[in-house]
Amino acid sequence: MKTLPVLIALALLAAIPSSFARSNTEAEDFLKKSVSEVVSIAKSSPNSTALADSLRPLLLKSISFDAMTRRAIGPGWRQFTAAQQKEAVQLFSTLIIRNYSGKFTAGELPEISYKAATSPAPERVEISTSTTYKGSKYNVIYRLEEIDGWHITDVVIEGVSMVANYRTQFDAEFKLGGVDAVLGALRQSVSAP
């Protein structure tokens, strides 16, 4: 009788690594496909404005801007109404897409080498890459989560988390003027050339 619970526990423990490995492989495949599509679009875009317009549908599919925005705003997020949250996500996604596409130069494409994915927690994967662009090398970590499929939830470039970087800015705005100050800063950033 004691053997059955032990066998069940061992079977469950044996299944955990394989499900993590399967999840890691799925996340790696998702990221590689998404990055490949971005590079393909970047190849044919004449400028950063056209690139931003072309990338928007792909990035909205690949990145969880809901999770990113919520985490970037931090605890103050709970004070946003549903309409304010929706506006914040729209503004933040526009800002990120524009900033991201603005980093590309027509005709110059990055060389990316992927390292093995790691799972810091169930349904979360981190994939480190070494990216060479315009002669400079960058260490970039993509953080992905399984939210109705795999989605990117943060990007860490040279040790700096994009979400944490924006959170510092949004925390300062929130302390100065609450929700209105954060939305005002987002609107101003999006409307700036």
N, C-alpha and C. Protein backbone atom coordinates (compact mmCIF):
# COMPACT_ATOMS: atom_id res chain seq x y z
N MET A 1 0.81 -1.20 0.00
CA MET A 1 0.00 0.00 0.00
C MET A 1 0.85 1.26 0.00
N LYS A 2 1.97 1.23 0.73
CA LYS A 2 2.82 2.41 0.79
C LYS A 2 3.55 2.63 -0.55
N THR A 3 3.72 1.58 -1.31
CA THR A 3 4.45 1.67 -2.57
C THR A 3 3.70 2.49 -3.62
N LEU A 4 2.38 2.40 -3.66
CA LEU A 4 1.60 3.11 -4.67
C LEU A 4 1.77 4.62 -4.56
N PRO A 5 1.62 5.26 -3.38
CA PRO A 5 1.84 6.71 -3.32
C PRO A 5 3.26 7.12 -3.70
N VAL A 6 4.24 6.30 -3.34
CA VAL A 6 5.62 6.60 -3.69
C VAL A 6 5.80 6.54 -5.21
N LEU A 7 5.23 5.53 -5.85
CA LEU A 7 5.32 5.40 -7.30
C LEU A 7 4.62 6.56 -8.01
N ILE A 8 3.47 6.98 -7.49
CA ILE A 8 2.75 8.12 -8.07
C ILE A 8 3.59 9.38 -7.94
N ALA A 9 4.16 9.61 -6.76
CA ALA A 9 4.99 10.79 -6.54
C ALA A 9 6.21 10.78 -7.47
N LEU A 10 6.84 9.63 -7.63
CA LEU A 10 7.99 9.53 -8.53
C LEU A 10 7.58 9.79 -9.98
N ALA A 11 6.42 9.28 -10.37
CA ALA A 11 5.95 9.51 -11.74
C ALA A 11 5.69 10.99 -11.98
N LEU A 12 5.10 11.66 -11.00
CA LEU A 12 4.85 13.10 -11.13
C LEU A 12 6.16 13.87 -11.21
N LEU A 13 7.11 13.51 -10.37
CA LEU A 13 8.40 14.19 -10.40
C LEU A 13 9.11 13.95 -11.73
N ALA A 14 9.01 12.75 -12.26
CA ALA A 14 9.65 12.46 -13.54
C ALA A 14 9.00 13.23 -14.68
N ALA A 15 7.72 13.54 -14.56
CA ALA A 15 7.01 14.27 -15.63
C ALA A 15 7.35 15.74 -15.64
N ILE A 16 7.74 16.30 -14.51
CA ILE A 16 7.99 17.74 -14.44
C ILE A 16 9.10 18.18 -15.39
N PRO A 17 10.28 17.58 -15.37
CA PRO A 17 11.32 18.04 -16.29
C PRO A 17 10.93 17.94 -17.76
N SER A 18 10.21 16.89 -18.15
CA SER A 18 9.85 16.77 -19.56
C SER A 18 8.84 17.84 -19.95
N SER A 19 7.91 18.20 -19.05
CA SER A 19 6.96 19.26 -19.40
C SER A 19 7.68 20.61 -19.46
N PHE A 20 8.66 20.81 -18.57
CA PHE A 20 9.45 22.05 -18.64
C PHE A 20 10.24 22.08 -19.95
N ALA A 21 10.83 20.93 -20.32
CA ALA A 21 11.62 20.88 -21.55
C ALA A 21 10.72 21.16 -22.75
N ARG A 22 9.50 20.57 -22.75
CA ARG A 22 8.57 20.80 -23.84
C ARG A 22 8.18 22.28 -23.89
N SER A 23 7.89 22.85 -22.72
CA SER A 23 7.53 24.26 -22.65
C SER A 23 8.67 25.14 -23.13
N ASN A 24 9.90 24.79 -22.71
CA ASN A 24 11.06 25.56 -23.15
C ASN A 24 11.21 25.52 -24.67
N THR A 25 11.04 24.34 -25.24
CA THR A 25 11.16 24.19 -26.69
C THR A 25 10.08 24.99 -27.41
N GLU A 26 8.85 24.93 -26.90
CA GLU A 26 7.75 25.69 -27.51
C GLU A 26 8.03 27.19 -27.43
N ALA A 27 8.51 27.65 -26.27
CA ALA A 27 8.82 29.07 -26.10
C ALA A 27 9.96 29.49 -27.03
N GLU A 28 11.00 28.64 -27.13
CA GLU A 28 12.12 28.94 -28.03
C GLU A 28 11.64 29.05 -29.47
N ASP A 29 10.82 28.10 -29.89
CA ASP A 29 10.28 28.11 -31.26
C ASP A 29 9.46 29.37 -31.50
N PHE A 30 8.63 29.73 -30.53
CA PHE A 30 7.80 30.93 -30.65
C PHE A 30 8.67 32.18 -30.81
N LEU A 31 9.69 32.30 -29.95
CA LEU A 31 10.56 33.48 -30.00
C LEU A 31 11.32 33.54 -31.32
N LYS A 32 11.91 32.44 -31.73
CA LYS A 32 12.68 32.43 -32.98
C LYS A 32 11.80 32.79 -34.17
N LYS A 33 10.59 32.27 -34.20
CA LYS A 33 9.66 32.58 -35.29
C LYS A 33 9.30 34.07 -35.26
N SER A 34 9.01 34.61 -34.07
CA SER A 34 8.64 36.02 -33.95
C SER A 34 9.79 36.93 -34.38
N VAL A 35 11.00 36.63 -33.92
CA VAL A 35 12.16 37.44 -34.28
C VAL A 35 12.45 37.34 -35.78
N SER A 36 12.30 36.14 -36.32
CA SER A 36 12.51 35.96 -37.76
C SER A 36 11.51 36.80 -38.57
N GLU A 37 10.27 36.84 -38.12
CA GLU A 37 9.26 37.66 -38.81
C GLU A 37 9.59 39.15 -38.71
N VAL A 38 10.08 39.58 -37.54
CA VAL A 38 10.48 40.98 -37.36
C VAL A 38 11.60 41.33 -38.33
N VAL A 39 12.61 40.46 -38.40
CA VAL A 39 13.76 40.70 -39.28
C VAL A 39 13.30 40.75 -40.75
N SER A 40 12.40 39.85 -41.10
CA SER A 40 11.88 39.84 -42.47
C SER A 40 11.15 41.14 -42.81
N ILE A 41 10.35 41.63 -41.88
CA ILE A 41 9.64 42.90 -42.09
C ILE A 41 10.63 44.05 -42.14
N ALA A 42 11.63 44.02 -41.26
CA ALA A 42 12.63 45.10 -41.22
C ALA A 42 13.41 45.19 -42.53
N LYS A 43 13.64 44.04 -43.17
CA LYS A 43 14.37 44.01 -44.44
C LYS A 43 13.68 44.84 -45.51
N SER A 44 12.36 44.80 -45.52
CA SER A 44 11.63 45.45 -46.61
C SER A 44 11.04 46.81 -46.24
N SER A 45 11.28 47.30 -45.03
CA SER A 45 10.72 48.60 -44.63
C SER A 45 11.68 49.73 -44.98
N PRO A 46 11.17 50.77 -45.65
CA PRO A 46 12.04 51.85 -46.09
C PRO A 46 12.48 52.80 -44.97
N ASN A 47 11.69 52.88 -43.88
CA ASN A 47 12.03 53.79 -42.79
C ASN A 47 11.37 53.33 -41.49
N SER A 48 11.69 53.99 -40.39
CA SER A 48 11.19 53.54 -39.09
C SER A 48 9.67 53.73 -38.94
N THR A 49 9.10 54.74 -39.58
CA THR A 49 7.64 54.93 -39.49
C THR A 49 6.92 53.79 -40.19
N ALA A 50 7.37 53.45 -41.40
CA ALA A 50 6.78 52.33 -42.13
C ALA A 50 7.01 51.03 -41.37
N LEU A 51 8.18 50.90 -40.76
CA LEU A 51 8.49 49.69 -39.99
C LEU A 51 7.55 49.57 -38.80
N ALA A 52 7.34 50.66 -38.07
CA ALA A 52 6.43 50.63 -36.92
C ALA A 52 5.04 50.20 -37.34
N ASP A 53 4.55 50.74 -38.45
CA ASP A 53 3.22 50.37 -38.95
C ASP A 53 3.17 48.89 -39.33
N SER A 54 4.23 48.41 -39.97
CA SER A 54 4.27 47.01 -40.40
C SER A 54 4.43 46.04 -39.24
N LEU A 55 5.20 46.46 -38.22
CA LEU A 55 5.47 45.58 -37.08
C LEU A 55 4.32 45.51 -36.08
N ARG A 56 3.51 46.55 -36.03
CA ARG A 56 2.47 46.64 -35.01
C ARG A 56 1.62 45.36 -34.88
N PRO A 57 1.03 44.83 -35.97
CA PRO A 57 0.21 43.63 -35.81
C PRO A 57 0.99 42.43 -35.26
N LEU A 58 2.22 42.27 -35.72
CA LEU A 58 3.04 41.15 -35.25
C LEU A 58 3.38 41.32 -33.77
N LEU A 59 3.81 42.51 -33.37
CA LEU A 59 4.19 42.73 -31.98
C LEU A 59 2.99 42.66 -31.04
N LEU A 60 1.83 43.10 -31.48
CA LEU A 60 0.63 42.98 -30.66
C LEU A 60 0.28 41.51 -30.42
N LYS A 61 0.66 40.66 -31.37
CA LYS A 61 0.42 39.22 -31.25
C LYS A 61 1.48 38.55 -30.39
N SER A 62 2.71 39.04 -30.44
CA SER A 62 3.85 38.37 -29.80
C SER A 62 4.12 38.85 -28.38
N ILE A 63 3.73 40.06 -28.08
CA ILE A 63 4.04 40.67 -26.78
C ILE A 63 2.75 40.83 -25.98
N SER A 64 2.79 40.51 -24.71
CA SER A 64 1.64 40.77 -23.85
C SER A 64 1.78 42.19 -23.31
N PHE A 65 1.24 43.14 -24.06
CA PHE A 65 1.32 44.53 -23.62
C PHE A 65 0.46 44.76 -22.37
N ASP A 66 -0.57 43.95 -22.17
CA ASP A 66 -1.36 44.06 -20.93
C ASP A 66 -0.47 43.79 -19.72
N ALA A 67 0.25 42.66 -19.75
CA ALA A 67 1.12 42.30 -18.63
C ALA A 67 2.26 43.31 -18.49
N MET A 68 2.86 43.71 -19.60
CA MET A 68 3.96 44.67 -19.55
C MET A 68 3.53 46.00 -18.94
N THR A 69 2.39 46.51 -19.40
CA THR A 69 1.93 47.80 -18.91
C THR A 69 1.59 47.73 -17.44
N ARG A 70 0.87 46.68 -17.06
CA ARG A 70 0.49 46.51 -15.65
C ARG A 70 1.74 46.47 -14.76
N ARG A 71 2.74 45.74 -15.16
CA ARG A 71 3.97 45.62 -14.36
C ARG A 71 4.79 46.90 -14.39
N ALA A 72 4.80 47.56 -15.54
CA ALA A 72 5.57 48.81 -15.64
C ALA A 72 4.95 49.90 -14.77
N ILE A 73 3.64 49.91 -14.68
CA ILE A 73 2.98 50.92 -13.83
C ILE A 73 3.06 50.54 -12.35
N GLY A 74 3.05 49.25 -12.06
CA GLY A 74 3.22 48.79 -10.69
C GLY A 74 1.96 48.87 -9.86
N PRO A 75 2.10 49.05 -8.54
CA PRO A 75 0.95 49.01 -7.64
C PRO A 75 -0.13 50.06 -7.97
N GLY A 76 0.26 51.15 -8.57
CA GLY A 76 -0.70 52.19 -8.93
C GLY A 76 -1.72 51.71 -9.95
N TRP A 77 -1.43 50.61 -10.64
CA TRP A 77 -2.32 50.06 -11.66
C TRP A 77 -3.73 49.83 -11.09
N ARG A 78 -3.81 49.41 -9.84
CA ARG A 78 -5.11 49.11 -9.23
C ARG A 78 -5.99 50.34 -9.09
N GLN A 79 -5.38 51.52 -9.16
CA GLN A 79 -6.16 52.76 -9.04
C GLN A 79 -6.68 53.25 -10.39
N PHE A 80 -6.27 52.64 -11.47
CA PHE A 80 -6.75 52.98 -12.81
C PHE A 80 -8.14 52.37 -12.99
N THR A 81 -9.05 53.10 -13.61
CA THR A 81 -10.32 52.51 -14.01
C THR A 81 -10.06 51.60 -15.20
N ALA A 82 -11.07 50.80 -15.56
CA ALA A 82 -10.91 49.91 -16.72
C ALA A 82 -10.60 50.71 -17.98
N ALA A 83 -11.28 51.84 -18.16
CA ALA A 83 -11.03 52.68 -19.35
C ALA A 83 -9.62 53.26 -19.32
N GLN A 84 -9.14 53.66 -18.14
CA GLN A 84 -7.78 54.21 -18.02
C GLN A 84 -6.75 53.12 -18.26
N GLN A 85 -7.03 51.90 -17.79
CA GLN A 85 -6.11 50.79 -18.04
C GLN A 85 -6.01 50.51 -19.53
N LYS A 86 -7.15 50.51 -20.21
CA LYS A 86 -7.17 50.26 -21.65
C LYS A 86 -6.37 51.34 -22.39
N GLU A 87 -6.56 52.60 -22.01
CA GLU A 87 -5.82 53.69 -22.64
C GLU A 87 -4.32 53.55 -22.37
N ALA A 88 -3.97 53.21 -21.13
CA ALA A 88 -2.56 53.05 -20.77
C ALA A 88 -1.91 51.96 -21.62
N VAL A 89 -2.60 50.83 -21.80
CA VAL A 89 -2.06 49.73 -22.61
C VAL A 89 -1.88 50.18 -24.05
N GLN A 90 -2.86 50.89 -24.60
CA GLN A 90 -2.75 51.37 -25.99
C GLN A 90 -1.58 52.34 -26.14
N LEU A 91 -1.46 53.28 -25.21
CA LEU A 91 -0.37 54.26 -25.28
C LEU A 91 0.99 53.59 -25.11
N PHE A 92 1.08 52.70 -24.12
CA PHE A 92 2.35 52.03 -23.84
C PHE A 92 2.77 51.16 -25.03
N SER A 93 1.83 50.45 -25.63
CA SER A 93 2.18 49.61 -26.78
C SER A 93 2.65 50.48 -27.95
N THR A 94 2.00 51.60 -28.17
CA THR A 94 2.43 52.51 -29.24
C THR A 94 3.84 53.03 -28.98
N LEU A 95 4.11 53.40 -27.73
CA LEU A 95 5.43 53.90 -27.35
C LEU A 95 6.51 52.84 -27.57
N ILE A 96 6.25 51.63 -27.11
CA ILE A 96 7.24 50.55 -27.23
C ILE A 96 7.48 50.20 -28.69
N ILE A 97 6.41 50.07 -29.46
CA ILE A 97 6.55 49.72 -30.89
C ILE A 97 7.32 50.80 -31.63
N ARG A 98 7.02 52.05 -31.35
CA ARG A 98 7.72 53.14 -32.03
C ARG A 98 9.20 53.17 -31.62
N ASN A 99 9.47 53.03 -30.33
CA ASN A 99 10.86 53.03 -29.87
C ASN A 99 11.63 51.84 -30.42
N TYR A 100 10.99 50.68 -30.44
CA TYR A 100 11.63 49.46 -30.94
C TYR A 100 11.96 49.60 -32.42
N SER A 101 10.99 50.04 -33.21
CA SER A 101 11.22 50.15 -34.65
C SER A 101 12.20 51.27 -34.98
N GLY A 102 12.30 52.26 -34.12
CA GLY A 102 13.23 53.36 -34.33
C GLY A 102 14.69 52.95 -34.17
N LYS A 103 14.92 51.78 -33.60
CA LYS A 103 16.30 51.29 -33.40
C LYS A 103 16.87 50.66 -34.67
N PHE A 104 16.01 50.33 -35.62
CA PHE A 104 16.48 49.69 -36.84
C PHE A 104 16.89 50.72 -37.88
N THR A 105 17.91 50.37 -38.65
CA THR A 105 18.34 51.16 -39.80
C THR A 105 18.10 50.30 -41.03
N ALA A 106 17.48 50.91 -42.03
CA ALA A 106 17.18 50.16 -43.26
C ALA A 106 18.45 49.51 -43.81
N GLY A 107 18.34 48.24 -44.15
CA GLY A 107 19.47 47.52 -44.74
C GLY A 107 20.41 46.89 -43.74
N GLU A 108 20.32 47.23 -42.46
CA GLU A 108 21.20 46.64 -41.45
C GLU A 108 20.37 45.74 -40.56
N LEU A 109 20.71 44.46 -40.56
CA LEU A 109 19.95 43.49 -39.80
C LEU A 109 20.81 42.87 -38.71
N PRO A 110 20.20 42.53 -37.58
CA PRO A 110 20.96 41.95 -36.48
C PRO A 110 21.31 40.49 -36.74
N GLU A 111 22.41 40.07 -36.15
CA GLU A 111 22.77 38.65 -36.10
C GLU A 111 22.47 38.19 -34.69
N ILE A 112 21.66 37.15 -34.57
CA ILE A 112 21.20 36.71 -33.25
C ILE A 112 21.58 35.26 -33.03
N SER A 113 22.19 35.00 -31.88
CA SER A 113 22.51 33.64 -31.49
C SER A 113 21.75 33.35 -30.19
N TYR A 114 21.00 32.26 -30.19
CA TYR A 114 20.13 31.90 -29.06
C TYR A 114 20.82 30.91 -28.14
N LYS A 115 20.63 31.10 -26.85
CA LYS A 115 21.13 30.14 -25.86
C LYS A 115 19.93 29.32 -25.38
N ALA A 116 20.20 28.25 -24.66
CA ALA A 116 19.13 27.39 -24.17
C ALA A 116 18.22 28.14 -23.22
N ALA A 117 16.95 27.87 -23.33
CA ALA A 117 15.95 28.51 -22.46
C ALA A 117 16.04 27.94 -21.05
N THR A 118 15.70 28.78 -20.09
CA THR A 118 15.61 28.33 -18.70
C THR A 118 14.20 28.66 -18.19
N SER A 119 13.76 27.91 -17.19
CA SER A 119 12.43 28.13 -16.61
C SER A 119 12.58 28.55 -15.16
N PRO A 120 12.47 29.87 -14.88
CA PRO A 120 12.56 30.31 -13.49
C PRO A 120 11.34 29.92 -12.67
N ALA A 121 10.22 29.62 -13.34
CA ALA A 121 8.98 29.22 -12.68
C ALA A 121 8.10 28.53 -13.72
N PRO A 122 7.11 27.75 -13.27
CA PRO A 122 6.23 27.12 -14.25
C PRO A 122 5.56 28.18 -15.14
N GLU A 123 5.46 27.86 -16.41
CA GLU A 123 4.84 28.72 -17.41
C GLU A 123 5.58 30.04 -17.62
N ARG A 124 6.85 30.08 -17.21
CA ARG A 124 7.72 31.23 -17.45
C ARG A 124 9.05 30.72 -18.00
N VAL A 125 9.53 31.40 -19.01
CA VAL A 125 10.78 30.99 -19.65
C VAL A 125 11.61 32.23 -19.94
N GLU A 126 12.91 32.09 -19.77
CA GLU A 126 13.84 33.15 -20.14
C GLU A 126 14.77 32.59 -21.21
N ILE A 127 14.94 33.37 -22.28
CA ILE A 127 15.81 32.95 -23.37
C ILE A 127 16.86 34.03 -23.58
N SER A 128 18.10 33.67 -23.33
CA SER A 128 19.21 34.60 -23.52
C SER A 128 19.67 34.55 -24.97
N THR A 129 20.03 35.72 -25.47
CA THR A 129 20.57 35.79 -26.82
C THR A 129 21.80 36.68 -26.81
N SER A 130 22.60 36.48 -27.82
CA SER A 130 23.72 37.37 -28.08
C SER A 130 23.41 37.99 -29.43
N THR A 131 23.24 39.30 -29.44
CA THR A 131 22.82 40.01 -30.64
C THR A 131 23.91 40.97 -31.08
N THR A 132 24.29 40.87 -32.34
CA THR A 132 25.26 41.81 -32.91
C THR A 132 24.51 42.69 -33.89
N TYR A 133 24.62 44.01 -33.70
CA TYR A 133 23.93 44.95 -34.57
C TYR A 133 24.79 46.19 -34.76
N LYS A 134 25.03 46.53 -35.98
CA LYS A 134 25.86 47.69 -36.33
C LYS A 134 27.24 47.61 -35.66
N GLY A 135 27.79 46.41 -35.62
CA GLY A 135 29.13 46.22 -35.07
C GLY A 135 29.21 46.13 -33.56
N SER A 136 28.10 46.32 -32.86
CA SER A 136 28.10 46.21 -31.40
C SER A 136 27.38 44.93 -30.98
N LYS A 137 27.86 44.36 -29.88
CA LYS A 137 27.30 43.12 -29.37
C LYS A 137 26.49 43.40 -28.11
N TYR A 138 25.31 42.81 -28.02
CA TYR A 138 24.41 43.03 -26.88
C TYR A 138 23.94 41.69 -26.34
N ASN A 139 23.87 41.61 -25.01
CA ASN A 139 23.24 40.47 -24.38
C ASN A 139 21.78 40.84 -24.14
N VAL A 140 20.89 40.06 -24.71
CA VAL A 140 19.46 40.34 -24.59
C VAL A 140 18.77 39.09 -24.06
N ILE A 141 17.96 39.28 -23.02
CA ILE A 141 17.18 38.18 -22.45
C ILE A 141 15.71 38.49 -22.71
N TYR A 142 15.03 37.53 -23.30
CA TYR A 142 13.59 37.65 -23.51
C TYR A 142 12.89 36.86 -22.41
N ARG A 143 11.97 37.49 -21.73
CA ARG A 143 11.16 36.81 -20.72
C ARG A 143 9.79 36.54 -21.33
N LEU A 144 9.41 35.27 -21.29
CA LEU A 144 8.15 34.86 -21.88
C LEU A 144 7.28 34.18 -20.84
N GLU A 145 5.98 34.30 -21.04
CA GLU A 145 5.03 33.61 -20.18
C GLU A 145 3.96 32.98 -21.05
N GLU A 146 3.41 31.91 -20.53
CA GLU A 146 2.32 31.25 -21.24
C GLU A 146 1.01 31.89 -20.78
N ILE A 147 0.52 32.80 -21.60
CA ILE A 147 -0.74 33.51 -21.35
C ILE A 147 -1.57 33.31 -22.61
N ASP A 148 -2.43 32.30 -22.63
CA ASP A 148 -3.14 31.94 -23.86
C ASP A 148 -2.14 31.77 -25.00
N GLY A 149 -1.12 30.98 -24.79
CA GLY A 149 -0.01 30.82 -25.73
C GLY A 149 1.17 31.62 -25.21
N TRP A 150 2.32 31.44 -25.82
CA TRP A 150 3.52 32.15 -25.37
C TRP A 150 3.49 33.60 -25.80
N HIS A 151 3.90 34.47 -24.89
CA HIS A 151 4.01 35.91 -25.17
C HIS A 151 5.24 36.46 -24.46
N ILE A 152 5.87 37.44 -25.07
CA ILE A 152 6.99 38.14 -24.44
C ILE A 152 6.40 39.10 -23.42
N THR A 153 6.97 39.08 -22.20
CA THR A 153 6.47 39.96 -21.14
C THR A 153 7.53 40.94 -20.64
N ASP A 154 8.77 40.76 -21.07
CA ASP A 154 9.83 41.71 -20.72
C ASP A 154 11.04 41.40 -21.60
N VAL A 155 11.86 42.41 -21.79
CA VAL A 155 13.12 42.27 -22.52
C VAL A 155 14.19 42.93 -21.66
N VAL A 156 15.25 42.19 -21.39
CA VAL A 156 16.35 42.70 -20.57
C VAL A 156 17.55 42.88 -21.50
N ILE A 157 17.98 44.12 -21.66
CA ILE A 157 19.10 44.43 -22.55
C ILE A 157 20.28 44.88 -21.70
N GLU A 158 21.38 44.14 -21.81
CA GLU A 158 22.59 44.44 -21.03
C GLU A 158 22.26 44.61 -19.54
N GLY A 159 21.41 43.72 -19.03
CA GLY A 159 21.09 43.71 -17.61
C GLY A 159 20.00 44.69 -17.18
N VAL A 160 19.46 45.46 -18.11
CA VAL A 160 18.43 46.45 -17.76
C VAL A 160 17.08 45.97 -18.29
N SER A 161 16.16 45.72 -17.37
CA SER A 161 14.82 45.29 -17.73
C SER A 161 14.02 46.46 -18.27
N MET A 162 13.39 46.28 -19.42
CA MET A 162 12.57 47.33 -20.00
C MET A 162 11.41 47.67 -19.06
N VAL A 163 10.77 46.63 -18.50
CA VAL A 163 9.64 46.87 -17.59
C VAL A 163 10.11 47.63 -16.36
N ALA A 164 11.22 47.21 -15.76
CA ALA A 164 11.72 47.88 -14.55
C ALA A 164 12.13 49.32 -14.86
N ASN A 165 12.71 49.55 -16.03
CA ASN A 165 13.11 50.90 -16.42
C ASN A 165 11.89 51.83 -16.50
N TYR A 166 10.84 51.37 -17.17
CA TYR A 166 9.63 52.18 -17.26
C TYR A 166 8.95 52.32 -15.91
N ARG A 167 9.04 51.28 -15.10
CA ARG A 167 8.40 51.34 -13.77
C ARG A 167 9.00 52.46 -12.93
N THR A 168 10.30 52.62 -13.01
CA THR A 168 10.95 53.71 -12.28
C THR A 168 10.38 55.05 -12.72
N GLN A 169 10.21 55.22 -14.03
CA GLN A 169 9.66 56.48 -14.56
C GLN A 169 8.21 56.65 -14.13
N PHE A 170 7.41 55.59 -14.26
CA PHE A 170 5.99 55.68 -13.92
C PHE A 170 5.76 55.87 -12.42
N ASP A 171 6.61 55.25 -11.59
CA ASP A 171 6.50 55.45 -10.14
C ASP A 171 6.68 56.92 -9.79
N ALA A 172 7.66 57.55 -10.41
CA ALA A 172 7.90 58.97 -10.14
C ALA A 172 6.70 59.80 -10.56
N GLU A 173 6.15 59.52 -11.74
CA GLU A 173 4.96 60.25 -12.21
C GLU A 173 3.77 60.01 -11.28
N PHE A 174 3.60 58.76 -10.87
CA PHE A 174 2.46 58.42 -10.02
C PHE A 174 2.53 59.14 -8.68
N LYS A 175 3.74 59.22 -8.13
CA LYS A 175 3.91 59.91 -6.84
C LYS A 175 3.61 61.40 -6.97
N LEU A 176 3.89 61.98 -8.15
CA LEU A 176 3.63 63.40 -8.36
C LEU A 176 2.16 63.71 -8.58
N GLY A 177 1.46 62.84 -9.33
CA GLY A 177 0.09 63.21 -9.68
C GLY A 177 -0.85 62.07 -9.93
N GLY A 178 -0.52 60.88 -9.47
CA GLY A 178 -1.43 59.75 -9.59
C GLY A 178 -1.64 59.29 -11.02
N VAL A 179 -2.81 58.73 -11.24
CA VAL A 179 -3.17 58.15 -12.53
C VAL A 179 -3.07 59.18 -13.65
N ASP A 180 -3.60 60.38 -13.41
CA ASP A 180 -3.59 61.41 -14.45
C ASP A 180 -2.17 61.76 -14.88
N ALA A 181 -1.24 61.78 -13.94
CA ALA A 181 0.14 62.11 -14.28
C ALA A 181 0.77 61.02 -15.14
N VAL A 182 0.49 59.76 -14.83
CA VAL A 182 1.04 58.66 -15.62
C VAL A 182 0.47 58.70 -17.03
N LEU A 183 -0.85 58.85 -17.13
CA LEU A 183 -1.46 58.92 -18.46
C LEU A 183 -0.98 60.14 -19.23
N GLY A 184 -0.81 61.27 -18.54
CA GLY A 184 -0.30 62.47 -19.19
C GLY A 184 1.11 62.27 -19.73
N ALA A 185 1.94 61.59 -18.95
CA ALA A 185 3.32 61.33 -19.40
C ALA A 185 3.33 60.39 -20.60
N LEU A 186 2.45 59.39 -20.58
CA LEU A 186 2.35 58.47 -21.71
C LEU A 186 1.86 59.20 -22.96
N ARG A 187 0.83 60.02 -22.80
CA ARG A 187 0.30 60.78 -23.95
C ARG A 187 1.37 61.67 -24.53
N GLN A 188 2.12 62.34 -23.66
CA GLN A 188 3.18 63.25 -24.12
C GLN A 188 4.28 62.48 -24.85
N SER A 189 4.66 61.32 -24.31
CA SER A 189 5.72 60.51 -24.96
C SER A 189 5.27 60.03 -26.33
N VAL A 190 4.03 59.64 -26.45
CA VAL A 190 3.51 59.13 -27.72
C VAL A 190 3.37 60.25 -28.74
N SER A 191 2.99 61.45 -28.28
CA SER A 191 2.80 62.55 -29.22
C SER A 191 4.10 63.23 -29.62
N ALA A 192 5.16 62.99 -28.86
CA ALA A 192 6.46 63.59 -29.20
C ALA A 192 7.00 62.97 -30.48
N PRO A 193 7.67 63.77 -31.33
CA PRO A 193 8.18 63.21 -32.60
C PRO A 193 9.31 62.22 -32.37
